[in-house]
C-alpha cells in the first residue's frame, strides 16, 4: 500500500476547511497546510487535523505557494485539494481502493472535478485535474494564477470525483486573479499562450468584452494552445460578441471552433440559439437535434452535460411550439423534465400545456 500526503494552501477558509479535511482525513497519512495569511479561525480548524501548519508569505503566485507545500510532503504520493473541495463517501471509498492497489510505477492519477451543480445537486460543469502525483518525481506547478501541475509518465485516469463546494462561500466575484494578470502586464512580463487564454477568460468574466476579444485573438494566433482551450476560446469569444450585440462576429467565432475538432454539443446548442434568436426555427431544430445526438467524449476539457441532455430538449419545446407542432413541443418538454424535473421553465411549460 502506498502512502499519501495531502497538501493544501489556504487563507481565511474557516467556512469550508473542516468539511474538506473531514472528508479525506481517513485516507491521508499526512496533512500539510500552508497558510498564506489567514486572519480568521483557519489555523485553529487545521490544527484539529494536523500539526503540519506552515506559514508562507503571499507573493501573488499560486504556483510558488503550491510548490512550497509540496516541498514539505514526505509520503509516497502527494494529493492536493483546495479548501472548498471535498469527497463524498462513495468517492472516498474509490480513493481508498486506489490507494490499496497503487504501486510506485504510477506517476500520477487524474480525477474528475465537479465544479458546478444544478438545483438538484447534479454536476453540470466538470473537467479533469491531475490530483495525485508521485513525490519522488518532483513535479512542479507553473503559472502565478490559473496554475497547472506539469506531469509526465504513467498517468491513470481514475473515476474518482472531487466536489467543489462553491455554493458554501457566498462572496462577490473576486478581482484577485485579474489584478495579478494586470500587474504582470504592467511589469512588462511576456504572457505564455496559456496566460493569454486565462487572462481573456478573466476579462470576459469581468465584462471587459472588447479587451477579452483581443486576448482571445492573441491566444489563437499563437497556434500553441491545447486544442480544448482553442475550442473554448472560440466559444467564449462568441459569447463576448453576443454580449456586444455583434451577431455576425458571434457566428464567425463559433464556426472557427470547427477548425480544431468535430463539433461539441455546446457548439451545436449555441448554433441553435443563434438561429432561434433569428426566429429561424427549422434551422434551430436541426442544431438542437445535433446536440442531443452528439456523443459525449472525455477529452479532459470542460464538460457541461446540460448541452446534450435537458437544454436542447427545452429549446426544441419552444421551437416546435412556434412551428405549431404541439405534440413534439410537449414531448421535448417532458424529456427536459426527465433531467431537470424542478426547472422553472419545465414547470411553466407544463402549466401552459395543461
Protein backbone atom coordinates (compact mmCIF):
# COMPACT_ATOMS: atom_id res chain seq x y z
CA UNK A 1 0.00 0.00 0.00
CA UNK A 2 1.31 3.45 -0.92
CA UNK A 3 1.16 6.42 1.43
CA UNK A 4 -0.38 9.83 0.71
CA UNK A 5 0.44 13.38 1.79
CA UNK A 6 -2.44 15.83 1.41
CA UNK A 7 -1.27 19.38 0.61
CA UNK A 8 -3.43 22.50 0.80
CA UNK A 9 -2.73 26.21 0.52
CA UNK A 10 -5.25 28.27 2.49
CA UNK A 11 -6.23 31.78 3.51
CA UNK A 12 -9.33 32.63 5.56
CA UNK A 13 -11.09 29.34 4.88
CA UNK A 14 -12.95 28.88 8.19
CA UNK A 15 -16.26 28.33 6.36
CA UNK A 16 -15.13 25.30 4.38
CA UNK A 17 -11.88 23.82 5.71
CA UNK A 18 -13.43 21.48 8.28
CA UNK A 19 -15.63 19.80 5.67
CA UNK A 20 -12.71 19.44 3.27
CA UNK A 21 -10.33 17.82 5.76
CA UNK A 22 -13.02 15.68 7.39
CA UNK A 23 -13.88 14.20 4.01
CA UNK A 24 -10.36 12.87 3.31
CA UNK A 25 -8.57 12.52 6.65
CA UNK A 26 -9.17 8.77 6.80
CA UNK A 27 -7.24 8.10 3.60
CA UNK A 28 -4.31 10.51 4.08
CA UNK A 29 -1.20 9.57 6.03
CA UNK A 30 -0.09 13.17 6.37
CA UNK A 31 -1.76 16.59 6.01
CA UNK A 32 0.32 19.65 5.14
CA UNK A 33 -1.40 23.02 5.44
CA UNK A 34 0.36 26.10 4.04
CA UNK A 35 -1.28 29.30 5.26
CA UNK A 36 -0.75 32.46 3.21
CA UNK A 37 -2.02 34.98 5.77
CA UNK A 38 -5.28 33.93 7.42
CA UNK A 39 -6.88 36.31 9.91
CA UNK A 40 -9.85 34.12 10.84
CA UNK A 41 -10.01 30.66 12.53
CA UNK A 42 -8.45 28.76 9.62
CA UNK A 43 -5.33 27.70 11.55
CA UNK A 44 -7.38 26.71 14.59
CA UNK A 45 -9.53 24.43 12.43
CA UNK A 46 -6.49 23.00 10.64
CA UNK A 47 -4.88 22.17 13.99
CA UNK A 48 -7.68 19.67 14.69
CA UNK A 49 -6.34 17.57 11.82
CA UNK A 50 -2.58 18.18 11.68
CA UNK A 51 0.39 19.84 13.32
CA UNK A 52 1.98 20.44 9.89
CA UNK A 53 0.80 24.05 9.55
CA UNK A 54 3.38 26.24 7.82
CA UNK A 55 3.28 29.96 7.03
CA UNK A 56 4.12 31.28 3.58
CA UNK A 57 4.26 34.96 2.67
CA UNK A 58 1.85 35.60 -0.19
CA UNK A 59 3.62 36.95 -3.30
CA UNK A 60 0.74 36.85 -5.84
CA UNK A 61 1.93 33.48 -7.11
CA UNK A 62 -0.18 30.37 -6.59
CA UNK A 63 2.44 28.06 -8.08
CA UNK A 64 5.06 29.29 -5.61
CA UNK A 65 2.72 28.53 -2.70
CA UNK A 66 1.75 25.10 -4.03
CA UNK A 67 5.35 24.12 -4.77
CA UNK A 68 6.27 25.23 -1.24
CA UNK A 69 3.53 22.98 0.15
CA UNK A 70 4.70 20.04 -1.98
CA UNK A 71 8.26 20.51 -0.72
CA UNK A 72 7.09 19.68 2.82
CA UNK A 73 5.39 16.39 1.88
CA UNK A 74 7.12 13.18 2.98
CA UNK A 75 4.88 10.31 1.76
CA UNK A 76 4.98 8.27 -1.47
CA UNK A 77 2.32 10.33 -3.21
CA UNK A 78 1.07 13.90 -2.89
CA UNK A 79 -2.60 14.73 -3.24
CA UNK A 80 -3.75 18.33 -3.47
CA UNK A 81 -7.11 19.96 -2.85
CA UNK A 82 -8.45 23.44 -2.31
CA UNK A 83 -10.19 24.21 0.96
CA UNK A 84 -13.60 24.35 -0.70
CA UNK A 85 -13.21 20.87 -2.21
CA UNK A 86 -14.33 17.57 -0.69
CA UNK A 87 -15.01 13.92 -1.43
CA UNK A 88 -18.31 12.25 -0.68
CA UNK A 89 -18.44 8.79 0.87
CA UNK A 90 -18.67 6.98 -2.47
CA UNK A 91 -15.60 8.69 -3.88
CA UNK A 92 -13.69 8.33 -0.61
CA UNK A 93 -14.16 4.56 -0.92
CA UNK A 94 -12.87 4.71 -4.50
CA UNK A 95 -9.81 6.61 -3.30
CA UNK A 96 -9.18 4.07 -0.53
CA UNK A 97 -9.42 1.26 -3.07
CA UNK A 98 -6.99 3.08 -5.37
CA UNK A 99 -4.55 3.60 -2.51
CA UNK A 100 -4.59 -0.10 -1.65
CA UNK A 101 -3.75 -1.05 -5.24
CA UNK A 102 -1.40 1.82 -6.14
CA UNK A 103 2.22 0.89 -6.82
CA UNK A 104 5.16 3.16 -7.50
CA UNK A 105 5.12 2.50 -11.24
CA UNK A 106 2.28 5.05 -11.42
CA UNK A 107 3.47 8.65 -11.78
CA UNK A 108 0.15 10.47 -11.48
CA UNK A 109 -3.59 9.96 -11.13
CA UNK A 110 -6.17 12.29 -12.65
CA UNK A 111 -9.59 12.71 -11.07
CA UNK A 112 -12.85 14.26 -12.25
CA UNK A 113 -13.55 17.70 -10.82
CA UNK A 114 -17.24 18.53 -10.44
CA UNK A 115 -17.06 22.30 -10.31
CA UNK A 116 -20.71 23.38 -10.55
CA UNK A 117 -24.10 21.79 -9.92
CA UNK A 118 -27.74 22.28 -10.90
CA UNK A 119 -30.63 22.89 -8.49
CA UNK A 120 -30.92 19.13 -7.87
CA UNK A 121 -27.25 18.76 -6.98
CA UNK A 122 -26.25 17.07 -10.25
CA UNK A 123 -22.89 18.10 -11.74
CA UNK A 124 -23.27 20.40 -14.74
CA UNK A 125 -19.68 21.57 -15.20
CA UNK A 126 -16.80 19.09 -14.86
CA UNK A 127 -13.25 18.55 -16.05
CA UNK A 128 -10.15 16.53 -15.12
CA UNK A 129 -7.25 17.54 -12.88
CA UNK A 130 -4.08 15.63 -12.02
CA UNK A 131 -4.73 15.21 -8.30
CA UNK A 132 -2.25 12.59 -7.09
CA UNK A 133 1.43 12.61 -8.06
CA UNK A 134 4.49 10.61 -7.08
CA UNK A 135 6.56 12.72 -4.69
CA UNK A 136 9.94 11.44 -5.87
CA UNK A 137 9.28 12.83 -9.36
CA UNK A 138 9.32 16.40 -8.03
CA UNK A 139 6.58 17.55 -10.39
CA UNK A 140 6.20 21.33 -10.34
CA UNK A 141 3.37 23.82 -10.56
CA UNK A 142 3.61 26.52 -13.23
CA UNK A 143 1.93 29.91 -13.60
CA UNK A 144 1.27 32.58 -10.96
CA UNK A 145 -2.50 32.27 -11.46
CA UNK A 146 -4.66 29.55 -13.05
CA UNK A 147 -1.66 27.40 -12.31
CA UNK A 148 -1.19 23.89 -13.65
CA UNK A 149 0.72 20.84 -12.45
CA UNK A 150 3.09 19.57 -15.16
CA UNK A 151 3.22 15.75 -15.03
CA UNK A 152 4.65 13.07 -17.30
CA UNK A 153 4.98 9.30 -17.29
CA UNK A 154 2.36 6.70 -16.42
CA UNK A 155 -0.88 8.55 -15.68
CA UNK A 156 -4.07 6.78 -14.58
CA UNK A 157 -7.42 8.37 -15.42
CA UNK A 158 -9.50 7.39 -12.41
CA UNK A 159 -13.25 7.70 -11.92
CA UNK A 160 -12.77 9.37 -8.53
CA UNK A 161 -14.66 12.67 -8.38
CA UNK A 162 -13.76 15.69 -6.26
CA UNK A 163 -16.61 18.07 -5.44
CA UNK A 164 -16.21 21.84 -5.45
CA UNK A 165 -18.35 23.39 -2.73
CA UNK A 166 -18.55 26.87 -4.19
CA UNK A 167 -22.15 27.32 -3.01
CA UNK A 168 -20.93 27.31 0.58
CA UNK A 169 -19.00 30.55 0.02
CA UNK A 170 -21.28 33.40 -0.90
CA UNK A 171 -18.81 36.11 -1.83
CA UNK A 172 -18.75 38.72 -4.58
CA UNK A 173 -16.72 37.81 -7.69
CA UNK A 174 -13.05 38.21 -6.85
CA UNK A 175 -10.79 40.67 -8.64
CA UNK A 176 -7.74 38.84 -7.34
CA UNK A 177 -6.86 36.91 -10.49
CA UNK A 178 -7.40 39.72 -12.98
CA UNK A 179 -5.38 42.06 -10.74
CA UNK A 180 -2.46 39.61 -10.75
CA UNK A 181 -2.57 39.49 -14.56
CA UNK A 182 -2.82 43.28 -14.84
CA UNK A 183 0.16 43.75 -12.54
CA UNK A 184 2.22 41.27 -14.57
CA UNK A 185 1.46 43.21 -17.73
CA UNK A 186 2.48 46.48 -16.06
CA UNK A 187 5.82 44.87 -15.20
CA UNK A 188 6.33 44.03 -18.87
CA UNK A 189 6.06 40.25 -18.50
CA UNK A 190 5.54 38.25 -21.67
CA UNK A 191 2.47 36.05 -21.43
CA UNK A 192 2.54 32.41 -22.46
CA UNK A 193 -0.29 31.16 -24.69
CA UNK A 194 -1.93 29.74 -21.56
CA UNK A 195 -1.67 33.13 -19.83
CA UNK A 196 -3.30 34.82 -22.82
CA UNK A 197 -6.20 32.37 -22.73
CA UNK A 198 -6.88 32.63 -19.00
CA UNK A 199 -6.44 36.39 -18.95
CA UNK A 200 -9.05 36.62 -21.73
CA UNK A 201 -11.38 34.49 -19.60
CA UNK A 202 -10.90 36.81 -16.63
CA UNK A 203 -11.62 39.83 -18.82
CA UNK A 204 -14.80 38.21 -20.12
CA UNK A 205 -15.94 37.32 -16.59
CA UNK A 206 -15.47 40.97 -15.62
CA UNK A 207 -17.48 42.10 -18.68
CA UNK A 208 -14.49 43.70 -20.40
CA UNK A 209 -15.61 42.17 -23.67
CA UNK A 210 -13.57 44.18 -26.19
CA UNK A 211 -10.32 43.55 -24.39
CA UNK A 212 -11.25 39.89 -23.88
CA UNK A 213 -11.76 39.50 -27.63
CA UNK A 214 -8.31 40.97 -28.29
CA UNK A 215 -6.68 38.48 -25.96
CA UNK A 216 -8.62 35.51 -27.34
CA UNK A 217 -7.33 36.60 -30.76
CA UNK A 218 -3.77 36.79 -29.44
CA UNK A 219 -4.07 33.34 -27.88
CA UNK A 220 -5.45 31.72 -31.03
CA UNK A 221 -2.79 33.44 -33.17
CA UNK A 222 -0.02 31.64 -31.27
CA UNK A 223 -1.29 28.26 -32.54
CA UNK A 224 0.35 26.77 -29.44
CA UNK A 225 -2.64 26.23 -27.19
CA UNK A 226 -4.23 22.99 -26.03
CA UNK A 227 -6.93 22.09 -28.55
CA UNK A 228 -9.63 22.13 -25.86
CA UNK A 229 -8.61 25.66 -24.90
CA UNK A 230 -8.64 26.72 -28.57
CA UNK A 231 -12.19 25.43 -28.98
CA UNK A 232 -13.25 27.06 -25.73
CA UNK A 233 -11.61 30.35 -26.76
CA UNK A 234 -13.74 30.47 -29.91
CA UNK A 235 -16.92 29.76 -27.94
CA UNK A 236 -16.08 32.25 -25.19
CA UNK A 237 -15.21 34.92 -27.76
CA UNK A 238 -18.56 34.26 -29.42
CA UNK A 239 -20.22 34.93 -26.06
CA UNK A 240 -18.39 38.27 -25.91
CA UNK A 241 -19.65 39.21 -29.37
CA UNK A 242 -23.17 38.19 -28.36
CA UNK A 243 -22.99 40.45 -25.30
CA UNK A 244 -21.91 43.28 -27.60
CA UNK A 245 -24.79 42.58 -29.99
CA UNK A 246 -22.46 41.65 -32.87
CA UNK A 247 -24.26 38.58 -34.15
CA UNK A 248 -22.27 38.07 -37.35
CA UNK A 249 -18.99 38.10 -35.45
CA UNK A 250 -20.56 35.73 -32.93
CA UNK A 251 -21.34 33.27 -35.72
CA UNK A 252 -17.87 33.60 -37.25
CA UNK A 253 -16.25 32.87 -33.90
CA UNK A 254 -18.40 29.80 -33.35
CA UNK A 255 -17.57 28.47 -36.81
CA UNK A 256 -13.85 28.96 -36.22
CA UNK A 257 -14.02 26.32 -33.47
CA UNK A 258 -14.61 23.71 -36.20
CA UNK A 259 -11.00 24.20 -37.32
CA UNK A 260 -9.80 22.35 -34.26
CA UNK A 261 -12.06 19.30 -33.93
CA UNK A 262 -15.52 17.90 -34.58
CA UNK A 263 -18.39 19.99 -33.16
CA UNK A 264 -19.11 19.69 -29.45
CA UNK A 265 -22.68 19.61 -28.12
CA UNK A 266 -22.20 23.13 -26.75
CA UNK A 267 -21.33 24.40 -30.23
CA UNK A 268 -24.49 22.79 -31.61
CA UNK A 269 -26.67 24.40 -28.93
CA UNK A 270 -25.16 27.82 -29.49
CA UNK A 271 -25.81 27.46 -33.21
CA UNK A 272 -29.38 26.54 -32.35
CA UNK A 273 -29.63 29.58 -30.07
CA UNK A 274 -28.33 31.80 -32.86
CA UNK A 275 -30.99 30.67 -35.32
CA UNK A 276 -33.76 30.62 -32.73
CA UNK A 277 -32.95 34.25 -31.90
CA UNK A 278 -33.44 34.98 -35.62
CA UNK A 279 -36.77 33.07 -35.47
CA UNK A 280 -35.45 30.53 -37.97
CA UNK A 281 -36.93 27.65 -36.05
CA UNK A 282 -36.49 24.87 -38.61
CA UNK A 283 -32.75 25.51 -38.75
CA UNK A 284 -32.60 25.79 -34.98
CA UNK A 285 -34.22 22.37 -34.54
CA UNK A 286 -31.53 20.82 -36.75
CA UNK A 287 -28.79 22.09 -34.45
CA UNK A 288 -30.53 21.12 -31.23
CA UNK A 289 -31.05 17.61 -32.61
CA UNK A 290 -27.33 17.52 -33.41
CA UNK A 291 -26.58 18.41 -29.79
CA UNK A 292 -28.79 15.60 -28.47
CA UNK A 293 -27.11 13.08 -30.77
CA UNK A 294 -23.61 14.37 -30.06
CA UNK A 295 -21.63 11.63 -28.37
CA UNK A 296 -20.11 12.68 -25.06
CA UNK A 297 -16.33 12.21 -25.07
CA UNK A 298 -13.97 12.61 -22.14
CA UNK A 299 -11.35 14.86 -23.71
CA UNK A 300 -10.07 16.14 -20.37
CA UNK A 301 -11.52 19.55 -21.15
CA UNK A 302 -14.55 21.25 -19.65
CA UNK A 303 -17.68 19.10 -19.79
CA UNK A 304 -21.18 20.54 -19.39
CA UNK A 305 -23.81 17.79 -19.74
CA UNK A 306 -26.58 20.41 -19.97
CA UNK A 307 -25.78 20.76 -23.66
CA UNK A 308 -26.52 17.15 -24.58
CA UNK A 309 -29.27 16.49 -22.01
CA UNK A 310 -32.05 18.85 -20.89
CA UNK A 311 -31.12 22.15 -22.58
CA UNK A 312 -31.59 21.20 -26.27
CA UNK A 313 -34.88 19.47 -25.38
CA UNK A 314 -36.14 22.61 -23.65
CA UNK A 315 -35.20 24.73 -26.65
CA UNK A 316 -36.85 22.25 -29.02
CA UNK A 317 -40.01 22.60 -26.94
CA UNK A 318 -40.01 26.32 -27.80
CA UNK A 319 -39.12 25.77 -31.45
CA UNK A 320 -41.88 23.24 -32.06
CA UNK A 321 -44.36 25.45 -30.22
CA UNK A 322 -43.53 28.24 -32.66
CA UNK A 323 -43.79 25.75 -35.56
CA UNK A 324 -47.30 24.79 -34.33
CA UNK A 325 -46.29 21.18 -33.65
CA UNK A 326 -47.68 20.99 -30.13
CA UNK A 327 -47.21 17.24 -29.82
CA UNK A 328 -43.45 17.46 -30.36
CA UNK A 329 -43.28 20.57 -28.22
CA UNK A 330 -44.89 18.71 -25.32
CA UNK A 331 -42.70 15.66 -25.90
CA UNK A 332 -39.46 17.64 -25.67
CA UNK A 333 -40.56 19.49 -22.56
CA UNK A 334 -41.17 16.14 -20.87
CA UNK A 335 -37.75 14.89 -21.97
CA UNK A 336 -36.17 18.01 -20.49
CA UNK A 337 -38.12 17.29 -17.31
CA UNK A 338 -36.56 13.83 -17.06
CA UNK A 339 -33.23 15.57 -16.44
CA UNK A 340 -34.43 18.70 -14.60
CA UNK A 341 -37.86 17.95 -13.10
CA UNK A 342 -37.83 21.11 -10.98
CA UNK A 343 -36.55 23.53 -13.61
CA UNK A 344 -38.81 26.63 -13.63
CA UNK A 345 -39.18 26.58 -17.44
CA UNK A 346 -40.21 22.93 -17.47
CA UNK A 347 -42.83 23.57 -14.79
CA UNK A 348 -44.08 26.74 -16.51
CA UNK A 349 -44.40 24.90 -19.82
CA UNK A 350 -46.41 22.14 -18.18
CA UNK A 351 -48.84 24.71 -16.83
CA UNK A 352 -49.15 26.19 -20.31
CA UNK A 353 -49.81 22.79 -21.89
CA UNK A 354 -52.42 21.98 -19.25
